[in-house]
């Protein structure tokens, strides 16, 4: 469970930094993104993707990581959901943005989070958990 929380906090911190960079400079230039890549997307700037990255992936993972550390009853389900969302985010990113090795790494992080989240959820049937 501790490994899951560490993974979630790591993902969350990185997503907050990246999302904040996109919100501050919605052209994407500050974080090395080309505005022309948005031509194949629904967006005119990186503002909305930056907000999604910051709020859902960033704050969501920090919140979920804290719940995991506190052994909250639903932490495994939330982790699996966020891991799956991260995987979808990366797939969408790979359609829009040229391949970069970090995309593969974060897809693996998302997959790992899903597996660990399911394991934590299933462990609830054999151990008592704290309820908020």
C-alpha atoms as a PDB file:
ATOM      1  CA  UNK A   1       0.000   0.000   0.000  1.00  0.00           C
ATOM      2  CA  UNK A   2       2.880   2.349   0.710  1.00  0.00           C
ATOM      3  CA  UNK A   3       4.262   1.766  -2.809  1.00  0.00           C
ATOM      4  CA  UNK A   4       0.896   2.777  -4.264  1.00  0.00           C
ATOM      5  CA  UNK A   5       0.808   5.971  -2.204  1.00  0.00           C
ATOM      6  CA  UNK A   6       4.357   6.896  -3.221  1.00  0.00           C
ATOM      7  CA  UNK A   7       3.504   6.312  -6.885  1.00  0.00           C
ATOM      8  CA  UNK A   8       0.350   8.429  -6.579  1.00  0.00           C
ATOM      9  CA  UNK A   9       2.146  11.293  -4.853  1.00  0.00           C
ATOM     10  CA  UNK A  10       4.932  11.200  -7.454  1.00  0.00           C
ATOM     11  CA  UNK A  11       2.423  11.327 -10.323  1.00  0.00           C
ATOM     12  CA  UNK A  12       0.462  14.076  -8.575  1.00  0.00           C
ATOM     13  CA  UNK A  13       3.461  16.326  -7.984  1.00  0.00           C
ATOM     14  CA  UNK A  14       4.592  15.999 -11.599  1.00  0.00           C
ATOM     15  CA  UNK A  15       1.085  16.636 -12.937  1.00  0.00           C
ATOM     16  CA  UNK A  16       0.645  19.720 -10.776  1.00  0.00           C
ATOM     17  CA  UNK A  17       3.929  21.131 -12.069  1.00  0.00           C
ATOM     18  CA  UNK A  18       3.132  20.312 -15.704  1.00  0.00           C
ATOM     19  CA  UNK A  19      -0.466  21.487 -15.465  1.00  0.00           C
ATOM     20  CA  UNK A  20       0.563  24.736 -13.824  1.00  0.00           C
ATOM     21  CA  UNK A  21       3.084  25.309 -16.612  1.00  0.00           C
ATOM     22  CA  UNK A  22       0.352  24.874 -19.216  1.00  0.00           C
ATOM     23  CA  UNK A  23      -2.089  27.125 -17.361  1.00  0.00           C
ATOM     24  CA  UNK A  24       0.492  29.893 -16.980  1.00  0.00           C
ATOM     25  CA  UNK A  25       1.605  29.637 -20.621  1.00  0.00           C
ATOM     26  CA  UNK A  26      -1.217  28.092 -22.627  1.00  0.00           C
ATOM     27  CA  UNK A  27       0.909  28.142 -25.799  1.00  0.00           C
ATOM     28  CA  UNK A  28       2.861  25.224 -24.317  1.00  0.00           C
ATOM     29  CA  UNK A  29       6.189  26.828 -25.220  1.00  0.00           C
ATOM     30  CA  UNK A  30       7.366  26.974 -21.587  1.00  0.00           C
ATOM     31  CA  UNK A  31       7.128  23.191 -21.248  1.00  0.00           C
ATOM     32  CA  UNK A  32       8.362  22.427 -24.766  1.00  0.00           C
ATOM     33  CA  UNK A  33       5.058  21.769 -26.523  1.00  0.00           C
ATOM     34  CA  UNK A  34       4.347  22.979 -30.031  1.00  0.00           C
ATOM     35  CA  UNK A  35       1.040  24.862 -30.489  1.00  0.00           C
ATOM     36  CA  UNK A  36       0.719  23.292 -33.959  1.00  0.00           C
ATOM     37  CA  UNK A  37       0.188  19.887 -32.334  1.00  0.00           C
ATOM     38  CA  UNK A  38      -3.224  21.106 -31.165  1.00  0.00           C
ATOM     39  CA  UNK A  39      -4.488  21.092 -34.759  1.00  0.00           C
ATOM     40  CA  UNK A  40      -5.483  17.411 -34.324  1.00  0.00           C
ATOM     41  CA  UNK A  41      -7.280  18.078 -31.038  1.00  0.00           C
ATOM     42  CA  UNK A  42     -10.411  19.764 -29.731  1.00  0.00           C
ATOM     43  CA  UNK A  43      -8.409  22.601 -28.195  1.00  0.00           C
ATOM     44  CA  UNK A  44      -7.085  25.947 -29.430  1.00  0.00           C
ATOM     45  CA  UNK A  45      -4.566  26.230 -26.598  1.00  0.00           C
ATOM     46  CA  UNK A  46      -3.102  24.078 -23.839  1.00  0.00           C
ATOM     47  CA  UNK A  47      -5.205  25.816 -21.161  1.00  0.00           C
ATOM     48  CA  UNK A  48      -7.954  23.164 -20.838  1.00  0.00           C
ATOM     49  CA  UNK A  49      -5.503  20.224 -21.028  1.00  0.00           C
ATOM     50  CA  UNK A  50      -3.407  22.062 -18.423  1.00  0.00           C
ATOM     51  CA  UNK A  51      -6.409  22.415 -16.115  1.00  0.00           C
ATOM     52  CA  UNK A  52      -7.269  18.724 -16.540  1.00  0.00           C
ATOM     53  CA  UNK A  53      -3.662  17.771 -15.839  1.00  0.00           C
ATOM     54  CA  UNK A  54      -3.477  20.067 -12.807  1.00  0.00           C
ATOM     55  CA  UNK A  55      -6.861  19.282 -11.241  1.00  0.00           C
ATOM     56  CA  UNK A  56      -7.769  15.696 -12.121  1.00  0.00           C
ATOM     57  CA  UNK A  57      -4.384  14.079 -12.473  1.00  0.00           C
ATOM     58  CA  UNK A  58      -2.390  16.340 -10.138  1.00  0.00           C
ATOM     59  CA  UNK A  59      -4.691  17.165  -7.245  1.00  0.00           C
ATOM     60  CA  UNK A  60      -6.611  13.903  -7.740  1.00  0.00           C
ATOM     61  CA  UNK A  61      -3.459  11.833  -7.303  1.00  0.00           C
ATOM     62  CA  UNK A  62      -2.268  13.846  -4.293  1.00  0.00           C
ATOM     63  CA  UNK A  63      -5.679  13.447  -2.637  1.00  0.00           C
ATOM     64  CA  UNK A  64      -5.801   9.736  -3.494  1.00  0.00           C
ATOM     65  CA  UNK A  65      -2.240   9.203  -2.273  1.00  0.00           C
ATOM     66  CA  UNK A  66      -3.126  10.740   1.091  1.00  0.00           C
ATOM     67  CA  UNK A  67      -6.225   8.524   1.345  1.00  0.00           C
ATOM     68  CA  UNK A  68      -4.095   5.500   0.499  1.00  0.00           C
ATOM     69  CA  UNK A  69      -1.606   6.407   3.244  1.00  0.00           C
ATOM     70  CA  UNK A  70      -4.501   6.760   5.695  1.00  0.00           C
ATOM     71  CA  UNK A  71      -5.829   3.339   4.619  1.00  0.00           C
ATOM     72  CA  UNK A  72      -9.175   4.836   3.612  1.00  0.00           C
ATOM     73  CA  UNK A  73     -11.796   2.266   2.692  1.00  0.00           C
ATOM     74  CA  UNK A  74     -12.235   3.386  -0.948  1.00  0.00           C
ATOM     75  CA  UNK A  75      -8.587   4.240  -1.714  1.00  0.00           C
ATOM     76  CA  UNK A  76      -8.051   1.189  -3.930  1.00  0.00           C
ATOM     77  CA  UNK A  77     -11.043   1.995  -6.128  1.00  0.00           C
ATOM     78  CA  UNK A  78      -9.992   5.644  -6.456  1.00  0.00           C
ATOM     79  CA  UNK A  79      -6.419   4.611  -7.298  1.00  0.00           C
ATOM     80  CA  UNK A  80      -7.600   2.190  -9.993  1.00  0.00           C
ATOM     81  CA  UNK A  81      -9.880   4.865 -11.478  1.00  0.00           C
ATOM     82  CA  UNK A  82      -7.107   7.494 -11.530  1.00  0.00           C
ATOM     83  CA  UNK A  83      -4.631   5.002 -12.986  1.00  0.00           C
ATOM     84  CA  UNK A  84      -7.074   4.158 -15.763  1.00  0.00           C
ATOM     85  CA  UNK A  85      -7.702   7.870 -16.381  1.00  0.00           C
ATOM     86  CA  UNK A  86      -3.936   8.432 -16.587  1.00  0.00           C
ATOM     87  CA  UNK A  87      -3.648   5.665 -19.181  1.00  0.00           C
ATOM     88  CA  UNK A  88      -6.454   7.244 -21.252  1.00  0.00           C
ATOM     89  CA  UNK A  89      -4.783  10.641 -20.896  1.00  0.00           C
ATOM     90  CA  UNK A  90      -1.518   9.257 -22.239  1.00  0.00           C
ATOM     91  CA  UNK A  91      -3.230   7.517 -25.167  1.00  0.00           C
ATOM     92  CA  UNK A  92      -4.999  10.780 -26.080  1.00  0.00           C
ATOM     93  CA  UNK A  93      -1.690  12.601 -25.731  1.00  0.00           C
ATOM     94  CA  UNK A  94       0.028  10.152 -28.072  1.00  0.00           C
ATOM     95  CA  UNK A  95      -2.619  10.817 -30.731  1.00  0.00           C
ATOM     96  CA  UNK A  96      -1.988  14.557 -30.533  1.00  0.00           C
ATOM     97  CA  UNK A  97       1.674  14.894 -29.546  1.00  0.00           C
ATOM     98  CA  UNK A  98       4.615  13.086 -31.177  1.00  0.00           C
ATOM     99  CA  UNK A  99       5.904  10.125 -29.155  1.00  0.00           C
ATOM    100  CA  UNK A 100       8.178  10.901 -26.228  1.00  0.00           C
ATOM    101  CA  UNK A 101       9.584   8.271 -23.852  1.00  0.00           C
ATOM    102  CA  UNK A 102       7.882   9.832 -20.811  1.00  0.00           C
ATOM    103  CA  UNK A 103       4.507   8.968 -22.336  1.00  0.00           C
ATOM    104  CA  UNK A 104       5.370   5.286 -22.224  1.00  0.00           C
ATOM    105  CA  UNK A 105       6.707   5.610 -18.676  1.00  0.00           C
ATOM    106  CA  UNK A 106       3.551   7.331 -17.418  1.00  0.00           C
ATOM    107  CA  UNK A 107       1.353   4.795 -19.200  1.00  0.00           C
ATOM    108  CA  UNK A 108       3.211   2.092 -17.254  1.00  0.00           C
ATOM    109  CA  UNK A 109       2.739   4.146 -14.059  1.00  0.00           C
ATOM    110  CA  UNK A 110      -1.001   4.271 -14.747  1.00  0.00           C
ATOM    111  CA  UNK A 111      -1.168   0.537 -15.421  1.00  0.00           C
ATOM    112  CA  UNK A 112       0.799  -0.158 -12.236  1.00  0.00           C
ATOM    113  CA  UNK A 113      -1.548   2.106 -10.302  1.00  0.00           C
ATOM    114  CA  UNK A 114      -4.560   0.179 -11.624  1.00  0.00           C
ATOM    115  CA  UNK A 115      -3.014  -3.137 -10.566  1.00  0.00           C
ATOM    116  CA  UNK A 116      -2.018  -1.866  -7.120  1.00  0.00           C
ATOM    117  CA  UNK A 117      -5.390  -0.184  -6.659  1.00  0.00           C
ATOM    118  CA  UNK A 118      -7.215  -3.420  -7.448  1.00  0.00           C
ATOM    119  CA  UNK A 119      -4.888  -5.283  -5.059  1.00  0.00           C
ATOM    120  CA  UNK A 120      -5.630  -2.775  -2.283  1.00  0.00           C
ATOM    121  CA  UNK A 121      -9.356  -3.029  -2.997  1.00  0.00           C
ATOM    122  CA  UNK A 122      -9.257  -6.832  -2.862  1.00  0.00           C
ATOM    123  CA  UNK A 123      -7.224  -6.764   0.355  1.00  0.00           C
ATOM    124  CA  UNK A 124     -10.181  -5.009   2.021  1.00  0.00           C
ATOM    125  CA  UNK A 125     -11.970  -8.343   2.062  1.00  0.00           C
ATOM    126  CA  UNK A 126      -9.300  -9.838   4.303  1.00  0.00           C
ATOM    127  CA  UNK A 127      -8.356  -6.859   6.511  1.00  0.00           C
ATOM    128  CA  UNK A 128     -10.373  -4.257   8.382  1.00  0.00           C
ATOM    129  CA  UNK A 129      -9.965  -0.731   6.986  1.00  0.00           C
ATOM    130  CA  UNK A 130     -10.446   2.722   8.417  1.00  0.00           C
ATOM    131  CA  UNK A 131     -13.599   4.533   7.431  1.00  0.00           C
ATOM    132  CA  UNK A 132     -13.573   8.330   7.290  1.00  0.00           C
END
